[in-house]
PDB file of N, CA and C in Angstrom:
ATOM      1  N   MET A   1     -14.985  16.888  14.821  1.00  0.00           N
ATOM      2  CA  MET A   1     -14.204  16.725  13.605  1.00  0.00           C
ATOM      3  C   MET A   1     -13.020  15.819  13.892  1.00  0.00           C
ATOM      4  N   LEU A   2     -12.792  14.855  13.035  1.00  0.00           N
ATOM      5  CA  LEU A   2     -11.720  13.896  13.232  1.00  0.00           C
ATOM      6  C   LEU A   2     -10.393  14.324  12.620  1.00  0.00           C
ATOM      7  N   GLY A   3     -10.370  15.401  11.897  1.00  0.00           N
ATOM      8  CA  GLY A   3      -9.141  15.830  11.238  1.00  0.00           C
ATOM      9  C   GLY A   3      -9.046  15.286   9.829  1.00  0.00           C
ATOM     10  N   SER A   4      -7.874  15.422   9.261  1.00  0.00           N
ATOM     11  CA  SER A   4      -7.655  14.985   7.882  1.00  0.00           C
ATOM     12  C   SER A   4      -7.605  13.470   7.785  1.00  0.00           C
ATOM     13  N   ARG A   5      -8.120  12.983   6.670  1.00  0.00           N
ATOM     14  CA  ARG A   5      -8.089  11.547   6.383  1.00  0.00           C
ATOM     15  C   ARG A   5      -7.447  11.360   5.027  1.00  0.00           C
ATOM     16  N   PHE A   6      -6.672  10.305   4.886  1.00  0.00           N
ATOM     17  CA  PHE A   6      -5.986  10.014   3.642  1.00  0.00           C
ATOM     18  C   PHE A   6      -6.179   8.539   3.325  1.00  0.00           C
ATOM     19  N   ALA A   7      -6.749   8.258   2.168  1.00  0.00           N
ATOM     20  CA  ALA A   7      -7.055   6.872   1.795  1.00  0.00           C
ATOM     21  C   ALA A   7      -6.549   6.581   0.383  1.00  0.00           C
ATOM     22  N   THR A   8      -6.334   5.306   0.122  1.00  0.00           N
ATOM     23  CA  THR A   8      -5.969   4.849  -1.217  1.00  0.00           C
ATOM     24  C   THR A   8      -6.406   3.395  -1.365  1.00  0.00           C
ATOM     25  N   ARG A   9      -6.403   2.917  -2.581  1.00  0.00           N
ATOM     26  CA  ARG A   9      -6.725   1.509  -2.833  1.00  0.00           C
ATOM     27  C   ARG A   9      -5.497   0.651  -2.608  1.00  0.00           C
ATOM     28  N   VAL A  10      -5.702  -0.557  -2.148  1.00  0.00           N
ATOM     29  CA  VAL A  10      -4.586  -1.460  -1.867  1.00  0.00           C
ATOM     30  C   VAL A  10      -3.780  -1.731  -3.137  1.00  0.00           C
ATOM     31  N   TYR A  11      -4.425  -1.770  -4.289  1.00  0.00           N
ATOM     32  CA  TYR A  11      -3.709  -2.086  -5.525  1.00  0.00           C
ATOM     33  C   TYR A  11      -2.823  -0.942  -5.996  1.00  0.00           C
ATOM     34  N   SER A  12      -2.899   0.211  -5.331  1.00  0.00           N
ATOM     35  CA  SER A  12      -1.939   1.284  -5.600  1.00  0.00           C
ATOM     36  C   SER A  12      -0.529   0.835  -5.237  1.00  0.00           C
ATOM     37  N   PHE A  13      -0.442  -0.134  -4.354  1.00  0.00           N
ATOM     38  CA  PHE A  13       0.847  -0.623  -3.892  1.00  0.00           C
ATOM     39  C   PHE A  13       1.340  -1.814  -4.698  1.00  0.00           C
ATOM     40  N   ALA A  14       0.689  -2.102  -5.813  1.00  0.00           N
ATOM     41  CA  ALA A  14       1.116  -3.191  -6.686  1.00  0.00           C
ATOM     42  C   ALA A  14       1.981  -2.688  -7.836  1.00  0.00           C
ATOM     43  N   SER A  15       2.004  -1.385  -8.053  1.00  0.00           N
ATOM     44  CA  SER A  15       2.799  -0.846  -9.153  1.00  0.00           C
ATOM     45  C   SER A  15       4.089  -0.236  -8.625  1.00  0.00           C
ATOM     46  N   GLY A  16       5.144  -0.408  -9.368  1.00  0.00           N
ATOM     47  CA  GLY A  16       6.432   0.155  -8.998  1.00  0.00           C
ATOM     48  C   GLY A  16       7.052  -0.465  -7.759  1.00  0.00           C
ATOM     49  N   VAL A  17       6.745  -1.717  -7.497  1.00  0.00           N
ATOM     50  CA  VAL A  17       7.221  -2.351  -6.266  1.00  0.00           C
ATOM     51  C   VAL A  17       8.695  -2.748  -6.321  1.00  0.00           C
ATOM     52  N   THR A  18       9.308  -2.686  -7.497  1.00  0.00           N
ATOM     53  CA  THR A  18      10.717  -3.070  -7.567  1.00  0.00           C
ATOM     54  C   THR A  18      11.600  -2.118  -6.775  1.00  0.00           C
ATOM     55  N   GLY A  19      11.126  -0.915  -6.514  1.00  0.00           N
ATOM     56  CA  GLY A  19      11.873   0.001  -5.656  1.00  0.00           C
ATOM     57  C   GLY A  19      11.855  -0.433  -4.204  1.00  0.00           C
ATOM     58  N   TYR A  20      10.809  -1.122  -3.816  1.00  0.00           N
ATOM     59  CA  TYR A  20      10.664  -1.588  -2.440  1.00  0.00           C
ATOM     60  C   TYR A  20      11.140  -3.030  -2.296  1.00  0.00           C
ATOM     61  N   TRP A  21      10.815  -3.853  -3.285  1.00  0.00           N
ATOM     62  CA  TRP A  21      11.249  -5.255  -3.318  1.00  0.00           C
ATOM     63  C   TRP A  21      12.002  -5.494  -4.630  1.00  0.00           C
ATOM     64  N   PRO A  22      13.290  -5.209  -4.693  1.00  0.00           N
ATOM     65  CA  PRO A  22      14.034  -5.321  -5.958  1.00  0.00           C
ATOM     66  C   PRO A  22      14.083  -6.735  -6.540  1.00  0.00           C
ATOM     67  N   ASP A  23      13.949  -7.751  -5.705  1.00  0.00           N
ATOM     68  CA  ASP A  23      14.036  -9.135  -6.188  1.00  0.00           C
ATOM     69  C   ASP A  23      12.687  -9.749  -6.528  1.00  0.00           C
ATOM     70  N   LEU A  24      11.617  -8.996  -6.408  1.00  0.00           N
ATOM     71  CA  LEU A  24      10.275  -9.519  -6.662  1.00  0.00           C
ATOM     72  C   LEU A  24      10.073  -9.684  -8.171  1.00  0.00           C
ATOM     73  N   SER A  25       9.734 -10.886  -8.607  1.00  0.00           N
ATOM     74  CA  SER A  25       9.557 -11.136 -10.040  1.00  0.00           C
ATOM     75  C   SER A  25       8.097 -11.435 -10.387  1.00  0.00           C
ATOM     76  N   PHE A  26       7.193 -11.176  -9.441  1.00  0.00           N
ATOM     77  CA  PHE A  26       5.769 -11.412  -9.653  1.00  0.00           C
ATOM     78  C   PHE A  26       5.005 -10.327  -8.921  1.00  0.00           C
ATOM     79  N   ASN A  27       3.703 -10.283  -9.096  1.00  0.00           N
ATOM     80  CA  ASN A  27       2.903  -9.290  -8.394  1.00  0.00           C
ATOM     81  C   ASN A  27       2.941  -9.551  -6.892  1.00  0.00           C
ATOM     82  N   PRO A  28       2.966  -8.491  -6.092  1.00  0.00           N
ATOM     83  CA  PRO A  28       2.978  -8.696  -4.649  1.00  0.00           C
ATOM     84  C   PRO A  28       1.652  -9.270  -4.159  1.00  0.00           C
ATOM     85  N   SER A  29       1.721  -9.992  -3.072  1.00  0.00           N
ATOM     86  CA  SER A  29       0.511 -10.561  -2.478  1.00  0.00           C
ATOM     87  C   SER A  29      -0.273  -9.460  -1.759  1.00  0.00           C
ATOM     88  N   LEU A  30      -1.495  -9.762  -1.416  1.00  0.00           N
ATOM     89  CA  LEU A  30      -2.313  -8.820  -0.660  1.00  0.00           C
ATOM     90  C   LEU A  30      -1.631  -8.465   0.664  1.00  0.00           C
ATOM     91  N   GLU A  31      -1.055  -9.460   1.314  1.00  0.00           N
ATOM     92  CA  GLU A  31      -0.362  -9.201   2.579  1.00  0.00           C
ATOM     93  C   GLU A  31       0.830  -8.261   2.372  1.00  0.00           C
ATOM     94  N   GLN A  32       1.600  -8.466   1.315  1.00  0.00           N
ATOM     95  CA  GLN A  32       2.743  -7.598   1.043  1.00  0.00           C
ATOM     96  C   GLN A  32       2.286  -6.163   0.787  1.00  0.00           C
ATOM     97  N   MET A  33       1.206  -6.011   0.012  1.00  0.00           N
ATOM     98  CA  MET A  33       0.704  -4.668  -0.274  1.00  0.00           C
ATOM     99  C   MET A  33       0.186  -3.996   0.996  1.00  0.00           C
ATOM    100  N   ALA A  34      -0.486  -4.749   1.850  1.00  0.00           N
ATOM    101  CA  ALA A  34      -0.997  -4.193   3.103  1.00  0.00           C
ATOM    102  C   ALA A  34       0.150  -3.777   4.021  1.00  0.00           C
ATOM    103  N   ARG A  35       1.202  -4.572   4.061  1.00  0.00           N
ATOM    104  CA  ARG A  35       2.369  -4.222   4.883  1.00  0.00           C
ATOM    105  C   ARG A  35       3.038  -2.955   4.354  1.00  0.00           C
ATOM    106  N   LEU A  36       3.128  -2.838   3.051  1.00  0.00           N
ATOM    107  CA  LEU A  36       3.702  -1.634   2.450  1.00  0.00           C
ATOM    108  C   LEU A  36       2.829  -0.425   2.760  1.00  0.00           C
ATOM    109  N   ALA A  37       1.519  -0.584   2.654  1.00  0.00           N
ATOM    110  CA  ALA A  37       0.595   0.507   2.977  1.00  0.00           C
ATOM    111  C   ALA A  37       0.736   0.927   4.434  1.00  0.00           C
ATOM    112  N   ALA A  38       0.961  -0.031   5.312  1.00  0.00           N
ATOM    113  CA  ALA A  38       1.107   0.273   6.742  1.00  0.00           C
ATOM    114  C   ALA A  38       2.342   1.111   7.024  1.00  0.00           C
ATOM    115  N   SER A  39       3.280   1.123   6.109  1.00  0.00           N
ATOM    116  CA  SER A  39       4.505   1.899   6.311  1.00  0.00           C
ATOM    117  C   SER A  39       4.368   3.355   5.857  1.00  0.00           C
ATOM    118  N   VAL A  40       3.224   3.717   5.286  1.00  0.00           N
ATOM    119  CA  VAL A  40       3.016   5.074   4.772  1.00  0.00           C
ATOM    120  C   VAL A  40       2.532   5.989   5.896  1.00  0.00           C
ATOM    121  N   ASP A  41       3.339   6.988   6.216  1.00  0.00           N
ATOM    122  CA  ASP A  41       2.942   7.958   7.236  1.00  0.00           C
ATOM    123  C   ASP A  41       1.710   8.731   6.786  1.00  0.00           C
ATOM    124  N   GLY A  42       0.743   8.846   7.660  1.00  0.00           N
ATOM    125  CA  GLY A  42      -0.449   9.638   7.385  1.00  0.00           C
ATOM    126  C   GLY A  42      -1.573   8.890   6.693  1.00  0.00           C
ATOM    127  N   LEU A  43      -1.329   7.683   6.229  1.00  0.00           N
ATOM    128  CA  LEU A  43      -2.390   6.899   5.586  1.00  0.00           C
ATOM    129  C   LEU A  43      -3.350   6.425   6.662  1.00  0.00           C
ATOM    130  N   THR A  44      -4.597   6.846   6.567  1.00  0.00           N
ATOM    131  CA  THR A  44      -5.564   6.514   7.615  1.00  0.00           C
ATOM    132  C   THR A  44      -6.533   5.428   7.199  1.00  0.00           C
ATOM    133  N   GLU A  45      -6.690   5.197   5.899  1.00  0.00           N
ATOM    134  CA  GLU A  45      -7.646   4.202   5.424  1.00  0.00           C
ATOM    135  C   GLU A  45      -7.105   3.512   4.179  1.00  0.00           C
ATOM    136  N   LEU A  46      -7.426   2.229   4.054  1.00  0.00           N
ATOM    137  CA  LEU A  46      -7.002   1.442   2.909  1.00  0.00           C
ATOM    138  C   LEU A  46      -8.222   0.742   2.343  1.00  0.00           C
ATOM    139  N   ASP A  47      -8.530   1.026   1.079  1.00  0.00           N
ATOM    140  CA  ASP A  47      -9.671   0.424   0.403  1.00  0.00           C
ATOM    141  C   ASP A  47      -9.242  -0.921  -0.159  1.00  0.00           C
ATOM    142  N   LEU A  48      -9.879  -1.981   0.290  1.00  0.00           N
ATOM    143  CA  LEU A  48      -9.525  -3.330  -0.161  1.00  0.00           C
ATOM    144  C   LEU A  48     -10.318  -3.774  -1.384  1.00  0.00           C
ATOM    145  N   ASN A  49     -11.143  -2.941  -1.924  1.00  0.00           N
ATOM    146  CA  ASN A  49     -11.968  -3.290  -3.060  1.00  0.00           C
ATOM    147  C   ASN A  49     -11.202  -3.168  -4.354  1.00  0.00           C
TER     148      ASN A  49
END
């Protein structure tokens, strides 16, 4: 058993980004969303679809 797994879609990180990037006036890039996802403790998988 590998233990608990926690996954989400990358586009979950496209909403409400003004709290993380207050000066962002456009949708975040895929790289920005992936970097934000990497900062989430316990996130084990990221769905890029």
